[in-house]
Amino acid sequence: MAAKIMILNGPNLNFLGTREPHIYGRTTLKEIEASCHALADHLGASISFHQSNMEGELVGLIQSAHGKVDAIIMNPAGYSFTSIALIDALKIFEGVKIELHISNIHARDELHRHSITSSACTAVICGLGPYGYIAAILAAVQRLGQLPETIAPALHGLAAAGQA
């Protein structure tokens, strides 16, 4: 069965590429979305990709995933540090939950250093830039049992597919 993954992006991520490029780089959210779709197609997975500046909308999307999606990858952005509502919604979802940050939040200022939403997640990826989305998709698909646990066979399969 193909993995079904919902990717959620929080506030201000619609300005990636122009917003603080010294922290977040110049890659746009649309470019990240295109890369995510390309990888998902390659893996035989399906993704839905969303961005909202509104906390309640993100909570609604998480709730809508219940029973329909196998994994949620979420970049909660500024809500990482403030949202009890997102924590509670994530706790309801029983699938794989991966929190994602483009920057290394642990190396940032005190305000951006401690994510509270990560307490409700299976794993956290941070500091890989836009490639973190690719790593999160691979990790989610592996956690769902659709990639091997060891890295070498998984990379061999990706390399072989690229040569086809």
N, C-alpha and C. Protein backbone atom coordinates (compact mmCIF):
# COMPACT_ATOMS: atom_id res chain seq x y z
N MET A 1 0.85 -1.18 0.00
CA MET A 1 0.00 0.00 0.00
C MET A 1 0.90 1.25 0.00
N ALA A 2 0.60 2.18 -0.85
CA ALA A 2 1.39 3.42 -0.97
C ALA A 2 1.20 4.30 0.26
N ALA A 3 2.28 4.87 0.72
CA ALA A 3 2.24 5.77 1.87
C ALA A 3 1.48 7.03 1.49
N LYS A 4 0.63 7.48 2.40
CA LYS A 4 -0.09 8.75 2.25
C LYS A 4 0.47 9.71 3.28
N ILE A 5 1.03 10.81 2.78
CA ILE A 5 1.72 11.76 3.64
C ILE A 5 1.13 13.15 3.47
N MET A 6 0.84 13.80 4.58
CA MET A 6 0.41 15.19 4.57
C MET A 6 1.57 16.05 5.04
N ILE A 7 1.91 17.07 4.25
CA ILE A 7 2.97 18.00 4.62
C ILE A 7 2.34 19.34 4.95
N LEU A 8 2.58 19.81 6.17
CA LEU A 8 2.00 21.06 6.64
C LEU A 8 3.09 22.08 6.90
N ASN A 9 2.82 23.30 6.52
CA ASN A 9 3.76 24.41 6.70
C ASN A 9 3.05 25.54 7.41
N GLY A 10 3.67 26.06 8.44
CA GLY A 10 3.07 27.09 9.26
C GLY A 10 3.30 28.51 8.76
N PRO A 11 3.10 29.45 9.66
CA PRO A 11 3.08 30.86 9.29
C PRO A 11 4.39 31.37 8.69
N ASN A 12 4.22 32.22 7.72
CA ASN A 12 5.29 32.96 7.04
C ASN A 12 6.15 32.11 6.10
N LEU A 13 5.90 30.80 6.05
CA LEU A 13 6.69 29.96 5.15
C LEU A 13 6.32 30.20 3.68
N ASN A 14 5.20 30.85 3.44
CA ASN A 14 4.84 31.25 2.07
C ASN A 14 5.81 32.32 1.55
N PHE A 15 6.63 32.88 2.41
CA PHE A 15 7.63 33.88 1.99
C PHE A 15 9.05 33.31 1.92
N LEU A 16 9.15 31.97 1.95
CA LEU A 16 10.48 31.38 1.77
C LEU A 16 11.06 31.84 0.45
N GLY A 17 12.36 32.02 0.43
CA GLY A 17 13.04 32.50 -0.77
C GLY A 17 13.34 33.98 -0.69
N THR A 18 12.49 34.71 0.02
CA THR A 18 12.71 36.15 0.20
C THR A 18 12.83 36.52 1.68
N ARG A 19 12.21 35.75 2.54
CA ARG A 19 12.22 36.03 3.98
C ARG A 19 13.52 35.55 4.62
N GLU A 20 14.28 36.47 5.16
CA GLU A 20 15.52 36.17 5.87
C GLU A 20 16.34 35.07 5.18
N PRO A 21 16.77 35.34 3.94
CA PRO A 21 17.49 34.29 3.20
C PRO A 21 18.79 33.85 3.88
N HIS A 22 19.36 34.68 4.74
CA HIS A 22 20.56 34.29 5.47
C HIS A 22 20.26 33.17 6.48
N ILE A 23 18.99 32.98 6.84
CA ILE A 23 18.58 31.90 7.74
C ILE A 23 17.93 30.76 6.97
N TYR A 24 17.01 31.10 6.05
CA TYR A 24 16.18 30.10 5.40
C TYR A 24 16.57 29.79 3.96
N GLY A 25 17.52 30.53 3.41
CA GLY A 25 17.94 30.28 2.03
C GLY A 25 17.03 30.97 1.02
N ARG A 26 17.27 30.68 -0.24
CA ARG A 26 16.53 31.33 -1.32
C ARG A 26 15.53 30.41 -2.02
N THR A 27 15.43 29.18 -1.56
CA THR A 27 14.48 28.24 -2.15
C THR A 27 13.06 28.61 -1.72
N THR A 28 12.15 28.66 -2.68
CA THR A 28 10.76 29.01 -2.37
C THR A 28 9.98 27.79 -1.91
N LEU A 29 8.85 28.03 -1.28
CA LEU A 29 7.98 26.94 -0.85
C LEU A 29 7.45 26.17 -2.05
N LYS A 30 7.18 26.85 -3.16
CA LYS A 30 6.72 26.16 -4.37
C LYS A 30 7.80 25.22 -4.91
N GLU A 31 9.07 25.62 -4.83
CA GLU A 31 10.16 24.75 -5.26
C GLU A 31 10.29 23.54 -4.33
N ILE A 32 10.11 23.76 -3.04
CA ILE A 32 10.14 22.65 -2.09
C ILE A 32 8.99 21.70 -2.38
N GLU A 33 7.82 22.25 -2.61
CA GLU A 33 6.66 21.40 -2.92
C GLU A 33 6.91 20.56 -4.16
N ALA A 34 7.48 21.15 -5.20
CA ALA A 34 7.77 20.40 -6.44
C ALA A 34 8.75 19.26 -6.15
N SER A 35 9.77 19.51 -5.36
CA SER A 35 10.73 18.45 -5.00
C SER A 35 10.05 17.34 -4.21
N CYS A 36 9.18 17.71 -3.30
CA CYS A 36 8.46 16.72 -2.49
C CYS A 36 7.58 15.84 -3.37
N HIS A 37 6.87 16.44 -4.30
CA HIS A 37 6.02 15.67 -5.21
C HIS A 37 6.87 14.73 -6.08
N ALA A 38 8.01 15.22 -6.56
CA ALA A 38 8.88 14.39 -7.40
C ALA A 38 9.38 13.17 -6.62
N LEU A 39 9.83 13.37 -5.37
CA LEU A 39 10.30 12.24 -4.58
C LEU A 39 9.15 11.28 -4.25
N ALA A 40 8.01 11.83 -3.87
CA ALA A 40 6.87 10.98 -3.55
C ALA A 40 6.48 10.13 -4.76
N ASP A 41 6.46 10.72 -5.94
CA ASP A 41 6.15 9.96 -7.16
C ASP A 41 7.16 8.83 -7.34
N HIS A 42 8.43 9.13 -7.14
CA HIS A 42 9.50 8.14 -7.29
C HIS A 42 9.32 6.99 -6.30
N LEU A 43 8.88 7.30 -5.09
CA LEU A 43 8.71 6.29 -4.05
C LEU A 43 7.36 5.59 -4.12
N GLY A 44 6.48 6.06 -4.98
CA GLY A 44 5.14 5.48 -5.04
C GLY A 44 4.25 5.94 -3.90
N ALA A 45 4.60 7.04 -3.29
CA ALA A 45 3.82 7.60 -2.18
C ALA A 45 2.95 8.73 -2.71
N SER A 46 1.96 9.12 -1.94
CA SER A 46 1.16 10.29 -2.31
C SER A 46 1.29 11.33 -1.20
N ILE A 47 1.34 12.59 -1.62
CA ILE A 47 1.43 13.65 -0.63
C ILE A 47 0.39 14.72 -0.92
N SER A 48 -0.02 15.37 0.15
CA SER A 48 -0.77 16.62 0.04
C SER A 48 0.10 17.65 0.74
N PHE A 49 0.14 18.84 0.20
CA PHE A 49 1.07 19.87 0.66
C PHE A 49 0.26 21.12 0.98
N HIS A 50 0.41 21.64 2.18
CA HIS A 50 -0.41 22.76 2.63
C HIS A 50 0.45 23.80 3.36
N GLN A 51 0.01 25.04 3.31
CA GLN A 51 0.61 26.12 4.09
C GLN A 51 -0.50 27.00 4.61
N SER A 52 -0.38 27.38 5.88
CA SER A 52 -1.36 28.30 6.46
C SER A 52 -0.67 29.17 7.49
N ASN A 53 -1.12 30.41 7.54
CA ASN A 53 -0.67 31.34 8.57
C ASN A 53 -1.57 31.28 9.79
N MET A 54 -2.62 30.45 9.74
CA MET A 54 -3.62 30.41 10.80
C MET A 54 -3.55 29.10 11.59
N GLU A 55 -3.35 29.23 12.86
CA GLU A 55 -3.21 28.07 13.74
C GLU A 55 -4.41 27.13 13.66
N GLY A 56 -5.61 27.69 13.69
CA GLY A 56 -6.82 26.87 13.64
C GLY A 56 -6.94 26.06 12.36
N GLU A 57 -6.50 26.63 11.26
CA GLU A 57 -6.53 25.91 9.99
C GLU A 57 -5.57 24.72 10.03
N LEU A 58 -4.40 24.92 10.62
CA LEU A 58 -3.44 23.82 10.75
C LEU A 58 -3.99 22.72 11.65
N VAL A 59 -4.65 23.10 12.74
CA VAL A 59 -5.29 22.12 13.62
C VAL A 59 -6.34 21.35 12.83
N GLY A 60 -7.15 22.03 12.05
CA GLY A 60 -8.18 21.37 11.23
C GLY A 60 -7.58 20.39 10.23
N LEU A 61 -6.46 20.76 9.62
CA LEU A 61 -5.81 19.86 8.67
C LEU A 61 -5.28 18.61 9.37
N ILE A 62 -4.70 18.77 10.55
CA ILE A 62 -4.23 17.61 11.31
C ILE A 62 -5.41 16.71 11.65
N GLN A 63 -6.50 17.30 12.11
CA GLN A 63 -7.67 16.50 12.44
C GLN A 63 -8.23 15.79 11.21
N SER A 64 -8.20 16.44 10.06
CA SER A 64 -8.72 15.83 8.84
C SER A 64 -7.86 14.65 8.38
N ALA A 65 -6.62 14.57 8.84
CA ALA A 65 -5.72 13.48 8.46
C ALA A 65 -6.06 12.18 9.18
N HIS A 66 -6.77 12.27 10.29
CA HIS A 66 -7.09 11.10 11.11
C HIS A 66 -7.80 10.03 10.26
N GLY A 67 -7.19 8.85 10.18
CA GLY A 67 -7.78 7.75 9.44
C GLY A 67 -7.62 7.82 7.93
N LYS A 68 -7.02 8.88 7.41
CA LYS A 68 -6.89 9.06 5.97
C LYS A 68 -5.43 9.14 5.52
N VAL A 69 -4.54 9.46 6.42
CA VAL A 69 -3.14 9.71 6.09
C VAL A 69 -2.28 8.84 7.02
N ASP A 70 -1.16 8.36 6.49
CA ASP A 70 -0.26 7.52 7.28
C ASP A 70 0.76 8.32 8.08
N ALA A 71 1.13 9.50 7.56
CA ALA A 71 2.17 10.29 8.21
C ALA A 71 1.91 11.77 7.99
N ILE A 72 2.31 12.55 8.96
CA ILE A 72 2.28 14.01 8.86
C ILE A 72 3.71 14.51 9.02
N ILE A 73 4.12 15.33 8.08
CA ILE A 73 5.38 16.06 8.19
C ILE A 73 4.98 17.51 8.38
N MET A 74 5.46 18.12 9.45
CA MET A 74 5.00 19.48 9.74
C MET A 74 6.16 20.40 10.08
N ASN A 75 6.20 21.52 9.38
CA ASN A 75 7.07 22.63 9.76
C ASN A 75 6.15 23.65 10.42
N PRO A 76 6.04 23.60 11.74
CA PRO A 76 5.10 24.50 12.42
C PRO A 76 5.56 25.95 12.46
N ALA A 77 6.80 26.20 12.05
CA ALA A 77 7.34 27.57 12.03
C ALA A 77 7.17 28.20 13.41
N GLY A 78 6.69 29.42 13.48
CA GLY A 78 6.57 30.14 14.75
C GLY A 78 5.66 29.46 15.77
N TYR A 79 4.73 28.63 15.29
CA TYR A 79 3.85 27.93 16.24
C TYR A 79 4.58 26.84 17.01
N SER A 80 5.79 26.48 16.57
CA SER A 80 6.59 25.48 17.28
C SER A 80 6.82 25.86 18.73
N PHE A 81 6.86 27.15 18.98
CA PHE A 81 7.28 27.66 20.28
C PHE A 81 6.11 28.12 21.15
N THR A 82 4.88 28.03 20.60
CA THR A 82 3.75 28.61 21.32
C THR A 82 2.47 27.78 21.33
N SER A 83 2.32 26.79 20.47
CA SER A 83 0.99 26.24 20.21
C SER A 83 0.66 24.95 20.97
N ILE A 84 -0.08 25.10 22.02
CA ILE A 84 -0.63 23.94 22.73
C ILE A 84 -1.69 23.27 21.86
N ALA A 85 -2.42 24.06 21.08
CA ALA A 85 -3.45 23.50 20.19
C ALA A 85 -2.86 22.53 19.17
N LEU A 86 -1.70 22.87 18.61
CA LEU A 86 -1.05 21.95 17.66
C LEU A 86 -0.57 20.69 18.37
N ILE A 87 -0.03 20.83 19.57
CA ILE A 87 0.40 19.66 20.34
C ILE A 87 -0.78 18.72 20.54
N ASP A 88 -1.90 19.27 20.99
CA ASP A 88 -3.08 18.44 21.26
C ASP A 88 -3.59 17.76 19.99
N ALA A 89 -3.60 18.48 18.87
CA ALA A 89 -4.05 17.88 17.60
C ALA A 89 -3.09 16.78 17.17
N LEU A 90 -1.79 17.02 17.29
CA LEU A 90 -0.81 16.00 16.90
C LEU A 90 -0.93 14.75 17.77
N LYS A 91 -1.25 14.91 19.04
CA LYS A 91 -1.40 13.76 19.93
C LYS A 91 -2.57 12.88 19.49
N ILE A 92 -3.58 13.46 18.88
CA ILE A 92 -4.74 12.69 18.41
C ILE A 92 -4.36 11.81 17.22
N PHE A 93 -3.49 12.32 16.36
CA PHE A 93 -3.09 11.59 15.15
C PHE A 93 -2.20 10.41 15.54
N GLU A 94 -2.56 9.21 15.08
CA GLU A 94 -1.87 8.00 15.51
C GLU A 94 -0.73 7.56 14.59
N GLY A 95 -0.56 8.20 13.45
CA GLY A 95 0.49 7.81 12.52
C GLY A 95 1.83 8.45 12.84
N VAL A 96 2.73 8.32 11.89
CA VAL A 96 4.07 8.91 12.02
C VAL A 96 3.94 10.43 11.95
N LYS A 97 4.64 11.12 12.85
CA LYS A 97 4.62 12.59 12.89
C LYS A 97 6.06 13.08 12.93
N ILE A 98 6.46 13.82 11.91
CA ILE A 98 7.82 14.33 11.86
C ILE A 98 7.76 15.85 11.85
N GLU A 99 8.40 16.45 12.85
CA GLU A 99 8.52 17.91 12.88
C GLU A 99 9.77 18.29 12.09
N LEU A 100 9.65 19.34 11.32
CA LEU A 100 10.71 19.76 10.42
C LEU A 100 10.99 21.24 10.58
N HIS A 101 12.26 21.59 10.60
CA HIS A 101 12.68 23.00 10.61
C HIS A 101 13.80 23.17 9.58
N ILE A 102 13.72 24.20 8.78
CA ILE A 102 14.74 24.48 7.78
C ILE A 102 16.04 24.88 8.45
N SER A 103 15.96 25.72 9.46
CA SER A 103 17.16 26.16 10.19
C SER A 103 17.42 25.21 11.36
N ASN A 104 18.61 25.28 11.90
CA ASN A 104 18.93 24.54 13.12
C ASN A 104 18.44 25.38 14.29
N ILE A 105 17.25 25.07 14.77
CA ILE A 105 16.66 25.89 15.83
C ILE A 105 17.50 25.88 17.10
N HIS A 106 18.29 24.85 17.30
CA HIS A 106 19.10 24.75 18.52
C HIS A 106 20.29 25.71 18.51
N ALA A 107 20.62 26.23 17.34
CA ALA A 107 21.72 27.18 17.21
C ALA A 107 21.23 28.62 17.07
N ARG A 108 19.94 28.81 17.24
CA ARG A 108 19.35 30.14 17.06
C ARG A 108 19.22 30.86 18.38
N ASP A 109 18.62 32.04 18.32
CA ASP A 109 18.40 32.84 19.53
C ASP A 109 17.46 32.10 20.48
N GLU A 110 17.43 32.55 21.71
CA GLU A 110 16.65 31.88 22.74
C GLU A 110 15.18 31.73 22.38
N LEU A 111 14.61 32.70 21.72
CA LEU A 111 13.20 32.66 21.32
C LEU A 111 12.89 31.52 20.36
N HIS A 112 13.84 31.18 19.50
CA HIS A 112 13.64 30.17 18.46
C HIS A 112 14.36 28.85 18.76
N ARG A 113 14.67 28.59 19.99
CA ARG A 113 15.51 27.45 20.32
C ARG A 113 14.76 26.23 20.83
N HIS A 114 13.62 26.40 21.44
CA HIS A 114 12.95 25.26 22.08
C HIS A 114 11.55 25.05 21.51
N SER A 115 11.42 24.01 20.74
CA SER A 115 10.11 23.67 20.17
C SER A 115 9.30 22.87 21.18
N ILE A 116 8.09 23.32 21.46
CA ILE A 116 7.21 22.56 22.34
C ILE A 116 6.40 21.53 21.55
N THR A 117 6.18 21.77 20.26
CA THR A 117 5.39 20.83 19.46
C THR A 117 6.14 19.53 19.22
N SER A 118 7.45 19.54 19.33
CA SER A 118 8.21 18.31 19.08
C SER A 118 7.88 17.22 20.09
N SER A 119 7.35 17.59 21.23
CA SER A 119 7.00 16.59 22.25
C SER A 119 5.91 15.65 21.77
N ALA A 120 5.15 16.04 20.76
CA ALA A 120 4.07 15.21 20.24
C ALA A 120 4.46 14.49 18.95
N CYS A 121 5.74 14.54 18.58
CA CYS A 121 6.18 13.99 17.30
C CYS A 121 7.04 12.75 17.46
N THR A 122 7.06 11.96 16.41
CA THR A 122 7.88 10.76 16.36
C THR A 122 9.35 11.11 16.23
N ALA A 123 9.64 12.15 15.43
CA ALA A 123 11.02 12.54 15.14
C ALA A 123 11.06 14.02 14.80
N VAL A 124 12.27 14.58 14.87
CA VAL A 124 12.49 15.99 14.52
C VAL A 124 13.69 16.07 13.58
N ILE A 125 13.53 16.83 12.51
CA ILE A 125 14.62 17.10 11.58
C ILE A 125 14.80 18.61 11.54
N CYS A 126 16.03 19.07 11.75
CA CYS A 126 16.26 20.51 11.67
C CYS A 126 17.66 20.80 11.16
N GLY A 127 17.79 21.95 10.50
CA GLY A 127 19.09 22.41 10.07
C GLY A 127 19.56 21.91 8.73
N LEU A 128 18.74 21.18 8.00
CA LEU A 128 19.14 20.66 6.69
C LEU A 128 18.69 21.54 5.54
N GLY A 129 18.12 22.69 5.85
CA GLY A 129 17.60 23.55 4.79
C GLY A 129 16.43 22.87 4.10
N PRO A 130 16.16 23.22 2.85
CA PRO A 130 15.04 22.62 2.13
C PRO A 130 15.18 21.10 1.98
N TYR A 131 16.42 20.58 2.03
CA TYR A 131 16.62 19.15 1.92
C TYR A 131 15.98 18.41 3.09
N GLY A 132 15.71 19.10 4.18
CA GLY A 132 15.04 18.48 5.31
C GLY A 132 13.70 17.87 4.93
N TYR A 133 13.01 18.48 3.97
CA TYR A 133 11.74 17.93 3.51
C TYR A 133 11.96 16.57 2.84
N ILE A 134 13.03 16.45 2.05
CA ILE A 134 13.35 15.18 1.40
C ILE A 134 13.69 14.13 2.45
N ALA A 135 14.52 14.51 3.42
CA ALA A 135 14.89 13.59 4.49
C ALA A 135 13.65 13.16 5.27
N ALA A 136 12.73 14.07 5.50
CA ALA A 136 11.51 13.75 6.25
C ALA A 136 10.63 12.77 5.48
N ILE A 137 10.49 12.96 4.18
CA ILE A 137 9.69 12.03 3.38
C ILE A 137 10.32 10.64 3.42
N LEU A 138 11.63 10.57 3.21
CA LEU A 138 12.31 9.27 3.26
C LEU A 138 12.14 8.62 4.64
N ALA A 139 12.29 9.40 5.70
CA ALA A 139 12.13 8.86 7.05
C ALA A 139 10.70 8.38 7.29
N ALA A 140 9.72 9.13 6.84
CA ALA A 140 8.33 8.72 7.03
C ALA A 140 8.04 7.43 6.29
N VAL A 141 8.47 7.34 5.05
CA VAL A 141 8.23 6.13 4.25
C VAL A 141 8.94 4.94 4.88
N GLN A 142 10.15 5.15 5.40
CA GLN A 142 10.86 4.07 6.08
C GLN A 142 10.12 3.66 7.35
N ARG A 143 9.67 4.62 8.13
CA ARG A 143 8.93 4.31 9.37
C ARG A 143 7.65 3.55 9.09
N LEU A 144 7.10 3.75 7.91
CA LEU A 144 5.87 3.05 7.52
C LEU A 144 6.16 1.67 6.93
N GLY A 145 7.44 1.28 6.94
CA GLY A 145 7.82 -0.05 6.48
C GLY A 145 7.95 -0.20 4.98
N GLN A 146 8.06 0.91 4.27
CA GLN A 146 8.13 0.85 2.81
C GLN A 146 9.52 1.12 2.26
N LEU A 147 10.48 1.29 3.14
CA LEU A 147 11.91 1.32 2.80
C LEU A 147 12.61 0.47 3.85
N PRO A 148 13.72 -0.16 3.49
CA PRO A 148 14.43 -0.99 4.47
C PRO A 148 15.00 -0.16 5.61
N GLU A 149 15.25 -0.84 6.74
CA GLU A 149 15.80 -0.15 7.91
C GLU A 149 17.25 0.26 7.71
N THR A 150 17.98 -0.50 6.89
CA THR A 150 19.38 -0.14 6.66
C THR A 150 19.47 0.79 5.46
N ILE A 151 20.40 1.68 5.51
CA ILE A 151 20.50 2.74 4.51
C ILE A 151 21.04 2.25 3.17
N ALA A 152 22.01 1.33 3.18
CA ALA A 152 22.65 0.92 1.92
C ALA A 152 21.65 0.38 0.89
N PRO A 153 20.77 -0.57 1.23
CA PRO A 153 19.82 -1.04 0.22
C PRO A 153 18.89 0.07 -0.29
N ALA A 154 18.50 0.96 0.60
CA ALA A 154 17.62 2.05 0.19
C ALA A 154 18.32 2.95 -0.81
N LEU A 155 19.57 3.31 -0.55
CA LEU A 155 20.31 4.16 -1.47
C LEU A 155 20.62 3.44 -2.78
N HIS A 156 20.89 2.14 -2.68
CA HIS A 156 21.14 1.37 -3.90
C HIS A 156 19.90 1.39 -4.80
N GLY A 157 18.73 1.23 -4.19
CA GLY A 157 17.48 1.25 -4.96
C GLY A 157 17.24 2.61 -5.61
N LEU A 158 17.53 3.68 -4.89
CA LEU A 158 17.36 5.02 -5.45
C LEU A 158 18.35 5.26 -6.59
N ALA A 159 19.59 4.81 -6.40
CA ALA A 159 20.61 5.00 -7.44
C ALA A 159 20.25 4.19 -8.68
N ALA A 160 19.79 2.96 -8.48
CA ALA A 160 19.42 2.13 -9.63
C ALA A 160 18.25 2.73 -10.39
N ALA A 161 17.29 3.26 -9.67
CA ALA A 161 16.14 3.87 -10.32
C ALA A 161 16.56 5.10 -11.12
N GLY A 162 17.56 5.83 -10.62
CA GLY A 162 18.04 7.01 -11.31
C GLY A 162 18.77 6.68 -12.60
N GLN A 163 19.31 5.46 -12.69
CA GLN A 163 20.04 5.03 -13.88
C GLN A 163 19.11 4.44 -14.93
N ALA A 164 17.90 4.14 -14.56
CA ALA A 164 16.95 3.50 -15.49
C ALA A 164 16.50 4.45 -16.57
